[in-house]
């Protein structure tokens, strides 16, 4: 059986909508069923797409840490780097965050304890430059470049969030439409046929 392309499917729905002698009850049920499946598929795909964003964001984050590791030498002016970034996907919340590390000498003198301070994001999609005033000179351009990538991911993720809300709203509306077709339109159509028969 030949698979119809998008244009053919559109034309078929438009054509059958005007035909007489067709079981439009079954056609309507099929349309509702397919609409529900369509919306659910898109909602599921959004979750997958968000996971892809998380993957890409991690690649961006990794480049920052590569620079951080490369500068872990006293040959680097301003050693060590104090800023770190992290990517997490918790439920449907994608987090691209920064923190500031303080290194405190342990009491026994055998190393340093690391204390991390989360850096709040003042902007909608990115941190302001003022959030990184404590960064070493070598850190600042790296952080700026990483934030450029993070901003794009945050914007894309915000679009996904809005799309998810829209799709969920549409799913509720389709359910209401289905109830309307069954509870209001079907009896109304039946009454019209009864009235037409009684007048003959």
N, C-alpha and C. Protein backbone atom coordinates (compact mmCIF):
# COMPACT_ATOMS: atom_id res chain seq x y z
N UNK A 1 0.84 -1.19 0.00
CA UNK A 1 0.00 0.00 0.00
C UNK A 1 0.89 1.25 0.00
N UNK A 2 0.60 2.18 -0.90
CA UNK A 2 1.40 3.39 -1.02
C UNK A 2 1.12 4.34 0.14
N UNK A 3 2.19 4.85 0.73
CA UNK A 3 2.05 5.78 1.86
C UNK A 3 1.82 7.19 1.31
N UNK A 4 0.80 7.86 1.82
CA UNK A 4 0.50 9.21 1.35
C UNK A 4 1.48 10.21 1.95
N UNK A 5 1.83 11.21 1.16
CA UNK A 5 2.67 12.28 1.69
C UNK A 5 1.78 13.31 2.39
N UNK A 6 2.41 14.32 2.97
CA UNK A 6 1.66 15.31 3.75
C UNK A 6 0.58 16.00 2.91
N UNK A 7 0.93 16.43 1.71
CA UNK A 7 -0.02 17.14 0.86
C UNK A 7 -1.23 16.27 0.54
N UNK A 8 -0.99 14.99 0.27
CA UNK A 8 -2.09 14.08 -0.05
C UNK A 8 -3.00 13.86 1.15
N UNK A 9 -2.42 13.78 2.33
CA UNK A 9 -3.23 13.61 3.54
C UNK A 9 -4.12 14.82 3.76
N UNK A 10 -3.54 16.02 3.59
CA UNK A 10 -4.31 17.25 3.74
C UNK A 10 -5.46 17.29 2.74
N UNK A 11 -5.15 16.97 1.49
CA UNK A 11 -6.17 16.99 0.44
C UNK A 11 -7.27 15.98 0.72
N UNK A 12 -6.90 14.81 1.25
CA UNK A 12 -7.88 13.76 1.54
C UNK A 12 -8.85 14.19 2.64
N UNK A 13 -8.30 14.80 3.72
CA UNK A 13 -9.18 15.27 4.79
C UNK A 13 -10.13 16.36 4.28
N UNK A 14 -9.61 17.26 3.46
CA UNK A 14 -10.44 18.34 2.91
C UNK A 14 -11.52 17.78 1.98
N UNK A 15 -11.14 16.80 1.17
CA UNK A 15 -12.07 16.21 0.21
C UNK A 15 -13.20 15.46 0.91
N UNK A 16 -12.85 14.61 1.87
CA UNK A 16 -13.84 13.77 2.53
C UNK A 16 -14.77 14.60 3.41
N UNK A 17 -14.31 15.77 3.84
CA UNK A 17 -15.15 16.60 4.71
C UNK A 17 -16.42 17.07 4.02
N UNK A 18 -16.42 17.11 2.68
CA UNK A 18 -17.57 17.60 1.93
C UNK A 18 -18.39 16.48 1.29
N UNK A 19 -17.94 15.25 1.44
CA UNK A 19 -18.62 14.13 0.79
C UNK A 19 -19.91 13.76 1.53
N UNK A 20 -20.90 13.34 0.76
CA UNK A 20 -22.14 12.80 1.32
C UNK A 20 -22.11 11.29 1.18
N UNK A 21 -22.92 10.62 1.97
CA UNK A 21 -22.96 9.17 1.91
C UNK A 21 -21.76 8.51 2.57
N UNK A 22 -21.07 9.27 3.41
CA UNK A 22 -19.90 8.77 4.12
C UNK A 22 -20.23 8.70 5.61
N UNK A 23 -19.70 7.70 6.29
CA UNK A 23 -19.92 7.58 7.73
C UNK A 23 -19.06 8.62 8.45
N UNK A 24 -19.61 9.81 8.60
CA UNK A 24 -18.84 10.88 9.23
C UNK A 24 -18.69 10.71 10.74
N UNK A 25 -19.52 9.85 11.32
CA UNK A 25 -19.34 9.56 12.75
C UNK A 25 -18.00 8.87 12.96
N UNK A 26 -17.74 7.86 12.15
CA UNK A 26 -16.45 7.16 12.23
C UNK A 26 -15.31 8.08 11.84
N UNK A 27 -15.55 8.92 10.83
CA UNK A 27 -14.52 9.85 10.39
C UNK A 27 -14.16 10.84 11.48
N UNK A 28 -15.17 11.33 12.19
CA UNK A 28 -14.94 12.28 13.28
C UNK A 28 -14.18 11.61 14.42
N UNK A 29 -14.57 10.38 14.74
CA UNK A 29 -13.86 9.64 15.79
C UNK A 29 -12.39 9.44 15.42
N UNK A 30 -12.15 9.14 14.14
CA UNK A 30 -10.78 8.95 13.67
C UNK A 30 -9.99 10.25 13.76
N UNK A 31 -10.64 11.36 13.41
CA UNK A 31 -9.97 12.66 13.47
C UNK A 31 -9.57 13.01 14.90
N UNK A 32 -10.50 12.79 15.85
CA UNK A 32 -10.20 13.07 17.26
C UNK A 32 -9.09 12.17 17.77
N UNK A 33 -9.16 10.90 17.43
CA UNK A 33 -8.14 9.95 17.88
C UNK A 33 -6.77 10.34 17.36
N UNK A 34 -6.71 10.72 16.09
CA UNK A 34 -5.43 11.11 15.50
C UNK A 34 -4.92 12.43 16.08
N UNK A 35 -5.83 13.34 16.38
CA UNK A 35 -5.43 14.61 16.99
C UNK A 35 -4.81 14.37 18.37
N UNK A 36 -5.43 13.49 19.15
CA UNK A 36 -4.89 13.16 20.47
C UNK A 36 -3.49 12.54 20.35
N UNK A 37 -3.36 11.61 19.41
CA UNK A 37 -2.07 10.94 19.21
C UNK A 37 -1.00 11.93 18.75
N UNK A 38 -1.41 12.85 17.87
CA UNK A 38 -0.49 13.87 17.37
C UNK A 38 0.05 14.73 18.52
N UNK A 39 -0.85 15.20 19.38
CA UNK A 39 -0.44 16.06 20.49
C UNK A 39 0.45 15.31 21.48
N UNK A 40 0.09 14.06 21.78
CA UNK A 40 0.89 13.28 22.72
C UNK A 40 2.28 13.01 22.16
N UNK A 41 2.35 12.74 20.86
CA UNK A 41 3.64 12.51 20.22
C UNK A 41 4.53 13.74 20.33
N UNK A 42 3.95 14.91 20.09
CA UNK A 42 4.73 16.14 20.19
C UNK A 42 5.20 16.39 21.62
N UNK A 43 4.33 16.13 22.59
CA UNK A 43 4.70 16.31 24.00
C UNK A 43 5.87 15.39 24.35
N UNK A 44 5.80 14.14 23.88
CA UNK A 44 6.88 13.19 24.14
C UNK A 44 8.18 13.63 23.45
N UNK A 45 8.05 14.15 22.23
CA UNK A 45 9.23 14.59 21.49
C UNK A 45 9.89 15.80 22.15
N UNK A 46 9.10 16.62 22.82
CA UNK A 46 9.67 17.77 23.53
C UNK A 46 10.59 17.28 24.64
N UNK A 47 10.20 16.23 25.35
CA UNK A 47 11.06 15.67 26.40
C UNK A 47 12.38 15.17 25.80
N UNK A 48 12.28 14.54 24.64
CA UNK A 48 13.49 14.05 23.96
C UNK A 48 14.37 15.22 23.52
N UNK A 49 13.74 16.25 22.96
CA UNK A 49 14.49 17.42 22.51
C UNK A 49 15.19 18.12 23.67
N UNK A 50 14.52 18.18 24.81
CA UNK A 50 15.13 18.80 25.98
C UNK A 50 16.36 18.01 26.43
N UNK A 51 16.29 16.70 26.33
CA UNK A 51 17.44 15.86 26.67
C UNK A 51 18.60 16.13 25.71
N UNK A 52 18.27 16.40 24.44
CA UNK A 52 19.32 16.76 23.48
C UNK A 52 19.97 18.08 23.86
N UNK A 53 19.16 19.05 24.30
CA UNK A 53 19.71 20.33 24.75
C UNK A 53 20.63 20.13 25.94
N UNK A 54 20.22 19.24 26.83
CA UNK A 54 21.05 18.95 28.00
C UNK A 54 22.40 18.38 27.56
N UNK A 55 22.38 17.51 26.56
CA UNK A 55 23.61 16.92 26.04
C UNK A 55 24.53 18.00 25.46
N UNK A 56 23.96 18.88 24.62
CA UNK A 56 24.75 19.94 24.00
C UNK A 56 25.29 20.89 25.06
N UNK A 57 24.45 21.23 26.04
CA UNK A 57 24.89 22.12 27.12
C UNK A 57 26.06 21.51 27.89
N UNK A 58 26.04 20.19 28.06
CA UNK A 58 27.14 19.54 28.76
C UNK A 58 28.44 19.65 27.98
N UNK A 59 28.33 19.58 26.63
CA UNK A 59 29.53 19.74 25.81
C UNK A 59 30.12 21.14 25.99
N UNK A 60 29.24 22.14 26.05
CA UNK A 60 29.67 23.51 26.28
C UNK A 60 30.33 23.64 27.65
N UNK A 61 29.69 23.06 28.64
CA UNK A 61 30.21 23.08 30.01
C UNK A 61 31.59 22.41 30.09
N UNK A 62 31.74 21.30 29.38
CA UNK A 62 33.00 20.56 29.41
C UNK A 62 34.17 21.40 28.91
N UNK A 63 33.91 22.26 27.92
CA UNK A 63 34.99 23.11 27.39
C UNK A 63 35.48 24.07 28.48
N UNK A 64 34.54 24.58 29.28
CA UNK A 64 34.96 25.44 30.40
C UNK A 64 35.89 24.68 31.33
N UNK A 65 35.51 23.44 31.66
CA UNK A 65 36.32 22.67 32.60
C UNK A 65 37.66 22.27 32.00
N UNK A 66 37.71 22.11 30.68
CA UNK A 66 38.99 21.83 30.03
C UNK A 66 39.95 23.00 30.24
N UNK A 67 39.42 24.22 30.12
CA UNK A 67 40.25 25.40 30.38
C UNK A 67 40.65 25.48 31.85
N UNK A 68 39.71 25.16 32.73
CA UNK A 68 39.98 25.20 34.16
C UNK A 68 41.12 24.25 34.51
N UNK A 69 41.05 23.04 33.96
CA UNK A 69 42.09 22.03 34.24
C UNK A 69 43.43 22.45 33.64
N UNK A 70 43.38 23.02 32.42
CA UNK A 70 44.61 23.44 31.75
C UNK A 70 45.35 24.53 32.52
N UNK A 71 44.61 25.31 33.31
CA UNK A 71 45.22 26.41 34.07
C UNK A 71 45.52 26.03 35.52
N UNK A 72 45.42 24.76 35.84
CA UNK A 72 45.74 24.35 37.21
C UNK A 72 47.25 24.16 37.38
N UNK A 73 47.93 25.24 37.20
CA UNK A 73 49.38 25.25 37.36
C UNK A 73 49.80 26.62 37.85
N UNK A 74 50.82 26.65 38.68
CA UNK A 74 51.27 27.95 39.19
C UNK A 74 51.98 28.77 38.13
N UNK A 75 52.08 28.20 36.91
CA UNK A 75 52.62 28.97 35.79
C UNK A 75 51.58 29.94 35.24
N UNK A 76 50.30 29.71 35.60
CA UNK A 76 49.21 30.57 35.14
C UNK A 76 49.03 31.73 36.09
N UNK A 77 49.03 32.93 35.55
CA UNK A 77 48.79 34.10 36.37
C UNK A 77 47.34 34.08 36.85
N UNK A 78 47.15 34.27 38.13
CA UNK A 78 45.78 34.24 38.65
C UNK A 78 45.31 32.83 38.98
N UNK A 79 46.23 31.86 38.98
CA UNK A 79 45.87 30.49 39.36
C UNK A 79 45.40 30.51 40.81
N UNK A 80 44.39 29.75 41.20
CA UNK A 80 43.58 28.86 40.35
C UNK A 80 42.31 29.54 39.86
N UNK A 81 41.57 28.83 38.99
CA UNK A 81 40.26 29.34 38.56
C UNK A 81 39.24 29.06 39.65
N UNK A 82 38.43 30.05 39.93
CA UNK A 82 37.46 29.91 41.02
C UNK A 82 36.04 29.60 40.53
N UNK A 83 35.78 29.77 39.25
CA UNK A 83 34.42 29.61 38.75
C UNK A 83 34.20 28.24 38.11
N UNK A 84 33.03 27.69 38.37
CA UNK A 84 32.66 26.41 37.78
C UNK A 84 31.24 26.49 37.24
N UNK A 85 30.92 25.60 36.32
CA UNK A 85 29.55 25.55 35.79
C UNK A 85 29.04 24.11 35.85
N UNK A 86 27.73 23.99 35.80
CA UNK A 86 27.11 22.67 35.92
C UNK A 86 25.83 22.63 35.10
N UNK A 87 25.56 21.48 34.52
CA UNK A 87 24.34 21.26 33.73
C UNK A 87 23.57 20.11 34.35
N UNK A 88 22.28 20.33 34.61
CA UNK A 88 21.44 19.26 35.16
C UNK A 88 20.06 19.32 34.53
N UNK A 89 19.48 18.15 34.34
CA UNK A 89 18.09 18.04 33.90
C UNK A 89 17.35 17.27 34.99
N UNK A 90 16.54 18.00 35.74
CA UNK A 90 15.78 17.39 36.84
C UNK A 90 14.31 17.46 36.49
N UNK A 91 13.74 16.29 36.22
CA UNK A 91 12.36 16.27 35.73
C UNK A 91 12.34 16.94 34.38
N UNK A 92 11.59 18.02 34.29
CA UNK A 92 11.55 18.79 33.04
C UNK A 92 12.19 20.17 33.22
N UNK A 93 13.05 20.30 34.22
CA UNK A 93 13.73 21.56 34.47
C UNK A 93 15.20 21.43 34.09
N UNK A 94 15.59 22.19 33.08
CA UNK A 94 16.98 22.19 32.62
C UNK A 94 17.73 23.32 33.31
N UNK A 95 18.78 22.98 34.03
CA UNK A 95 19.54 23.97 34.80
C UNK A 95 20.96 24.10 34.24
N UNK A 96 21.32 25.32 33.90
CA UNK A 96 22.68 25.65 33.47
C UNK A 96 23.19 26.69 34.45
N UNK A 97 23.97 26.28 35.41
CA UNK A 97 24.30 27.16 36.53
C UNK A 97 25.81 27.36 36.69
N UNK A 98 26.13 28.44 37.39
CA UNK A 98 27.51 28.78 37.71
C UNK A 98 27.66 28.86 39.23
N UNK A 99 28.88 28.61 39.68
CA UNK A 99 29.17 28.76 41.10
C UNK A 99 30.61 29.25 41.27
N UNK A 100 30.85 29.83 42.43
CA UNK A 100 32.17 30.36 42.77
C UNK A 100 32.77 29.50 43.87
N UNK A 101 33.97 28.99 43.62
CA UNK A 101 34.64 28.13 44.58
C UNK A 101 35.66 28.90 45.41
N UNK A 102 35.59 28.70 46.72
CA UNK A 102 36.60 29.24 47.62
C UNK A 102 37.43 28.08 48.15
N UNK A 103 38.73 28.27 48.21
CA UNK A 103 39.63 27.22 48.67
C UNK A 103 40.20 27.61 50.03
N UNK A 104 39.89 26.81 51.03
CA UNK A 104 40.31 27.10 52.40
C UNK A 104 41.25 25.99 52.88
N UNK A 105 42.40 26.41 53.37
CA UNK A 105 43.39 25.44 53.85
C UNK A 105 42.81 24.64 55.02
N UNK A 106 42.92 23.33 54.93
CA UNK A 106 42.42 22.47 56.01
C UNK A 106 43.25 22.67 57.28
N UNK A 107 42.62 22.44 58.40
CA UNK A 107 43.28 22.66 59.70
C UNK A 107 44.53 21.82 59.85
N UNK A 108 44.51 20.61 59.31
CA UNK A 108 45.69 19.74 59.44
C UNK A 108 46.75 20.05 58.38
N UNK A 109 46.44 21.03 57.51
CA UNK A 109 47.41 21.46 56.51
C UNK A 109 47.67 20.49 55.39
N UNK A 110 46.79 19.50 55.22
CA UNK A 110 47.01 18.47 54.19
C UNK A 110 46.31 18.76 52.87
N UNK A 111 45.83 19.95 52.69
CA UNK A 111 45.14 20.28 51.45
C UNK A 111 44.13 21.39 51.67
N UNK A 112 43.26 21.53 50.71
CA UNK A 112 42.27 22.60 50.77
C UNK A 112 40.84 22.04 50.74
N UNK A 113 39.98 22.68 51.50
CA UNK A 113 38.54 22.37 51.43
C UNK A 113 37.93 23.34 50.43
N UNK A 114 37.01 22.83 49.62
CA UNK A 114 36.39 23.66 48.59
C UNK A 114 34.96 24.00 49.02
N UNK A 115 34.64 25.29 49.03
CA UNK A 115 33.30 25.75 49.37
C UNK A 115 32.70 26.43 48.14
N UNK A 116 31.56 25.93 47.71
CA UNK A 116 30.93 26.44 46.49
C UNK A 116 29.77 27.37 46.81
N UNK A 117 29.74 28.48 46.12
CA UNK A 117 28.68 29.49 46.29
C UNK A 117 27.94 29.64 44.95
N UNK A 118 26.66 29.33 44.94
CA UNK A 118 25.87 29.46 43.71
C UNK A 118 25.77 30.91 43.29
N UNK A 119 25.91 31.15 41.99
CA UNK A 119 25.81 32.51 41.45
C UNK A 119 24.42 32.67 40.82
N UNK A 120 23.62 33.54 41.39
CA UNK A 120 22.26 33.75 40.89
C UNK A 120 22.29 34.44 39.53
N UNK A 121 21.35 34.06 38.69
CA UNK A 121 21.24 34.64 37.34
C UNK A 121 20.28 35.82 37.40
N UNK A 122 20.80 37.03 37.15
CA UNK A 122 19.96 38.23 37.20
C UNK A 122 19.17 38.42 35.91
N UNK A 123 19.79 38.12 34.77
CA UNK A 123 19.11 38.27 33.49
C UNK A 123 18.15 37.13 33.25
N UNK A 124 17.32 37.29 32.23
CA UNK A 124 16.34 36.25 31.94
C UNK A 124 16.99 35.01 31.35
N UNK A 125 17.96 35.24 30.45
CA UNK A 125 18.57 34.11 29.77
C UNK A 125 20.07 33.96 30.02
N UNK A 126 20.68 34.95 30.69
CA UNK A 126 22.11 34.85 30.93
C UNK A 126 22.48 35.64 32.18
N UNK A 127 23.68 35.37 32.67
CA UNK A 127 24.22 36.12 33.80
C UNK A 127 24.79 37.44 33.30
N UNK A 128 24.66 38.47 34.11
CA UNK A 128 25.31 39.74 33.78
C UNK A 128 26.82 39.61 34.03
N UNK A 129 27.59 40.46 33.36
CA UNK A 129 29.05 40.42 33.53
C UNK A 129 29.44 40.66 34.99
N UNK A 130 28.64 41.46 35.68
CA UNK A 130 28.95 41.79 37.07
C UNK A 130 28.94 40.56 37.98
N UNK A 131 28.31 39.47 37.52
CA UNK A 131 28.27 38.25 38.33
C UNK A 131 29.64 37.58 38.40
N UNK A 132 30.53 37.97 37.48
CA UNK A 132 31.84 37.31 37.40
C UNK A 132 33.00 38.27 37.66
N UNK A 133 32.75 39.32 38.43
CA UNK A 133 33.80 40.31 38.70
C UNK A 133 34.99 39.69 39.45
N UNK A 134 34.75 38.59 40.15
CA UNK A 134 35.83 37.96 40.91
C UNK A 134 36.66 36.99 40.07
N UNK A 135 36.28 36.83 38.80
CA UNK A 135 36.98 35.88 37.93
C UNK A 135 38.40 36.35 37.64
N UNK A 136 39.30 35.38 37.48
CA UNK A 136 40.66 35.70 37.07
C UNK A 136 40.63 36.23 35.64
N UNK A 137 41.68 36.95 35.25
CA UNK A 137 41.71 37.53 33.91
C UNK A 137 41.58 36.46 32.82
N UNK A 138 42.19 35.30 33.03
CA UNK A 138 42.10 34.26 32.01
C UNK A 138 40.72 33.61 32.00
N UNK A 139 40.01 33.69 33.13
CA UNK A 139 38.67 33.08 33.21
C UNK A 139 37.61 33.89 32.47
N UNK A 140 37.72 35.22 32.52
CA UNK A 140 36.65 36.09 32.03
C UNK A 140 36.26 35.85 30.58
N UNK A 141 37.20 35.78 29.62
CA UNK A 141 36.78 35.53 28.23
C UNK A 141 36.19 34.14 28.03
N UNK A 142 36.70 33.17 28.78
CA UNK A 142 36.16 31.80 28.68
C UNK A 142 34.72 31.77 29.18
N UNK A 143 34.50 32.39 30.34
CA UNK A 143 33.14 32.44 30.91
C UNK A 143 32.19 33.14 29.95
N UNK A 144 32.63 34.25 29.36
CA UNK A 144 31.77 35.00 28.43
C UNK A 144 31.38 34.14 27.23
N UNK A 145 32.34 33.41 26.69
CA UNK A 145 32.05 32.55 25.54
C UNK A 145 31.12 31.40 25.91
N UNK A 146 31.34 30.82 27.09
CA UNK A 146 30.47 29.72 27.55
C UNK A 146 29.06 30.23 27.78
N UNK A 147 28.93 31.43 28.36
CA UNK A 147 27.61 32.01 28.61
C UNK A 147 26.87 32.30 27.31
N UNK A 148 27.60 32.64 26.24
CA UNK A 148 26.94 32.84 24.94
C UNK A 148 26.22 31.56 24.51
N UNK A 149 26.90 30.42 24.69
CA UNK A 149 26.28 29.14 24.35
C UNK A 149 25.14 28.79 25.29
N UNK A 150 25.37 29.02 26.58
CA UNK A 150 24.32 28.75 27.57
C UNK A 150 23.07 29.58 27.29
N UNK A 151 23.27 30.84 26.87
CA UNK A 151 22.11 31.69 26.59
C UNK A 151 21.26 31.11 25.47
N UNK A 152 21.91 30.61 24.42
CA UNK A 152 21.16 30.02 23.31
C UNK A 152 20.37 28.80 23.78
N UNK A 153 21.00 27.96 24.61
CA UNK A 153 20.31 26.79 25.14
C UNK A 153 19.13 27.22 26.01
N UNK A 154 19.34 28.23 26.85
CA UNK A 154 18.25 28.71 27.72
C UNK A 154 17.08 29.24 26.90
N UNK A 155 17.38 29.96 25.83
CA UNK A 155 16.31 30.49 24.97
C UNK A 155 15.54 29.35 24.29
N UNK A 156 16.27 28.39 23.77
CA UNK A 156 15.63 27.23 23.14
C UNK A 156 14.77 26.47 24.15
N UNK A 157 15.30 26.30 25.35
CA UNK A 157 14.55 25.58 26.38
C UNK A 157 13.30 26.33 26.79
N UNK A 158 13.38 27.67 26.83
CA UNK A 158 12.20 28.48 27.15
C UNK A 158 11.13 28.30 26.08
N UNK A 159 11.56 28.22 24.82
CA UNK A 159 10.60 27.97 23.73
C UNK A 159 9.93 26.60 23.90
N UNK A 160 10.73 25.61 24.30
CA UNK A 160 10.16 24.27 24.54
C UNK A 160 9.13 24.30 25.66
N UNK A 161 9.45 25.03 26.72
CA UNK A 161 8.52 25.14 27.85
C UNK A 161 7.20 25.75 27.42
N UNK A 162 7.29 26.82 26.62
CA UNK A 162 6.07 27.47 26.12
C UNK A 162 5.30 26.54 25.20
N UNK A 163 6.03 25.81 24.35
CA UNK A 163 5.38 24.87 23.43
C UNK A 163 4.69 23.75 24.19
N UNK A 164 5.34 23.27 25.26
CA UNK A 164 4.73 22.21 26.08
C UNK A 164 3.42 22.70 26.70
N UNK A 165 3.41 23.94 27.19
CA UNK A 165 2.18 24.50 27.76
C UNK A 165 1.09 24.59 26.70
N UNK A 166 1.46 25.04 25.52
CA UNK A 166 0.49 25.18 24.43
C UNK A 166 -0.08 23.82 24.04
N UNK A 167 0.77 22.81 23.96
CA UNK A 167 0.31 21.48 23.58
C UNK A 167 -0.61 20.88 24.65
N UNK A 168 -0.27 21.10 25.91
CA UNK A 168 -1.13 20.59 26.99
C UNK A 168 -2.48 21.29 26.96
N UNK A 169 -2.47 22.59 26.68
CA UNK A 169 -3.73 23.32 26.54
C UNK A 169 -4.54 22.76 25.39
N UNK A 170 -3.87 22.47 24.28
CA UNK A 170 -4.56 21.91 23.11
C UNK A 170 -5.13 20.53 23.42
N UNK A 171 -4.39 19.73 24.20
CA UNK A 171 -4.88 18.40 24.57
C UNK A 171 -6.17 18.51 25.38
N UNK A 172 -6.23 19.48 26.30
CA UNK A 172 -7.45 19.70 27.08
C UNK A 172 -8.60 20.15 26.17
N UNK A 173 -8.28 21.02 25.22
CA UNK A 173 -9.31 21.52 24.30
C UNK A 173 -9.85 20.42 23.40
N UNK A 174 -8.97 19.53 22.95
CA UNK A 174 -9.42 18.40 22.12
C UNK A 174 -10.35 17.50 22.93
N UNK A 175 -10.02 17.29 24.21
CA UNK A 175 -10.89 16.48 25.07
C UNK A 175 -12.25 17.15 25.23
N UNK A 176 -12.25 18.48 25.37
CA UNK A 176 -13.52 19.21 25.46
C UNK A 176 -14.29 19.12 24.15
N UNK A 177 -13.57 19.19 23.04
CA UNK A 177 -14.21 19.08 21.73
C UNK A 177 -14.84 17.71 21.56
N UNK A 178 -14.13 16.67 21.99
CA UNK A 178 -14.66 15.31 21.90
C UNK A 178 -15.96 15.18 22.70
N UNK A 179 -15.97 15.74 23.91
CA UNK A 179 -17.17 15.70 24.74
C UNK A 179 -18.30 16.48 24.09
N UNK A 180 -17.97 17.62 23.51
CA UNK A 180 -18.98 18.43 22.81
C UNK A 180 -19.60 17.66 21.65
N UNK A 181 -18.76 17.00 20.87
CA UNK A 181 -19.25 16.25 19.71
C UNK A 181 -20.20 15.14 20.13
N UNK A 182 -19.87 14.48 21.23
CA UNK A 182 -20.69 13.36 21.70
C UNK A 182 -21.95 13.81 22.43
N UNK A 183 -21.80 14.83 23.27
CA UNK A 183 -22.90 15.21 24.16
C UNK A 183 -23.82 16.29 23.59
N UNK A 184 -23.30 17.10 22.69
CA UNK A 184 -24.10 18.21 22.16
C UNK A 184 -24.40 18.05 20.68
N UNK A 185 -23.35 17.89 19.88
CA UNK A 185 -23.56 17.88 18.43
C UNK A 185 -24.28 16.63 17.96
N UNK A 186 -23.92 15.47 18.49
CA UNK A 186 -24.57 14.22 18.04
C UNK A 186 -26.07 14.25 18.30
N UNK A 187 -26.52 14.61 19.52
CA UNK A 187 -27.97 14.70 19.76
C UNK A 187 -28.62 15.78 18.89
N UNK A 188 -27.91 16.87 18.65
CA UNK A 188 -28.44 17.96 17.83
C UNK A 188 -28.64 17.50 16.38
N UNK A 189 -27.65 16.75 15.88
CA UNK A 189 -27.75 16.23 14.51
C UNK A 189 -28.87 15.20 14.41
N UNK A 190 -29.02 14.38 15.45
CA UNK A 190 -30.08 13.37 15.47
C UNK A 190 -31.45 14.03 15.49
N UNK A 191 -31.57 15.11 16.25
CA UNK A 191 -32.84 15.84 16.33
C UNK A 191 -33.20 16.44 14.99
N UNK A 192 -32.20 16.93 14.27
CA UNK A 192 -32.45 17.53 12.95
C UNK A 192 -33.01 16.49 11.99
N UNK A 193 -32.47 15.28 12.04
CA UNK A 193 -32.96 14.21 11.16
C UNK A 193 -34.37 13.80 11.54
N UNK A 194 -34.65 13.76 12.85
CA UNK A 194 -35.99 13.40 13.32
C UNK A 194 -37.01 14.43 12.88
N UNK A 195 -36.64 15.70 13.02
CA UNK A 195 -37.54 16.78 12.60
C UNK A 195 -37.80 16.73 11.10
N UNK A 196 -36.75 16.45 10.35
CA UNK A 196 -36.91 16.37 8.90
C UNK A 196 -37.82 15.24 8.50
N UNK A 197 -37.75 14.12 9.20
CA UNK A 197 -38.59 12.95 8.89
C UNK A 197 -40.04 13.22 9.24
N UNK A 198 -40.29 13.90 10.35
CA UNK A 198 -41.66 14.14 10.81
C UNK A 198 -42.41 15.11 9.92
N UNK A 199 -41.71 15.93 9.16
CA UNK A 199 -42.37 16.92 8.30
C UNK A 199 -42.71 16.37 6.92
N UNK A 200 -42.25 15.16 6.62
CA UNK A 200 -42.54 14.57 5.31
C UNK A 200 -43.95 14.00 5.26
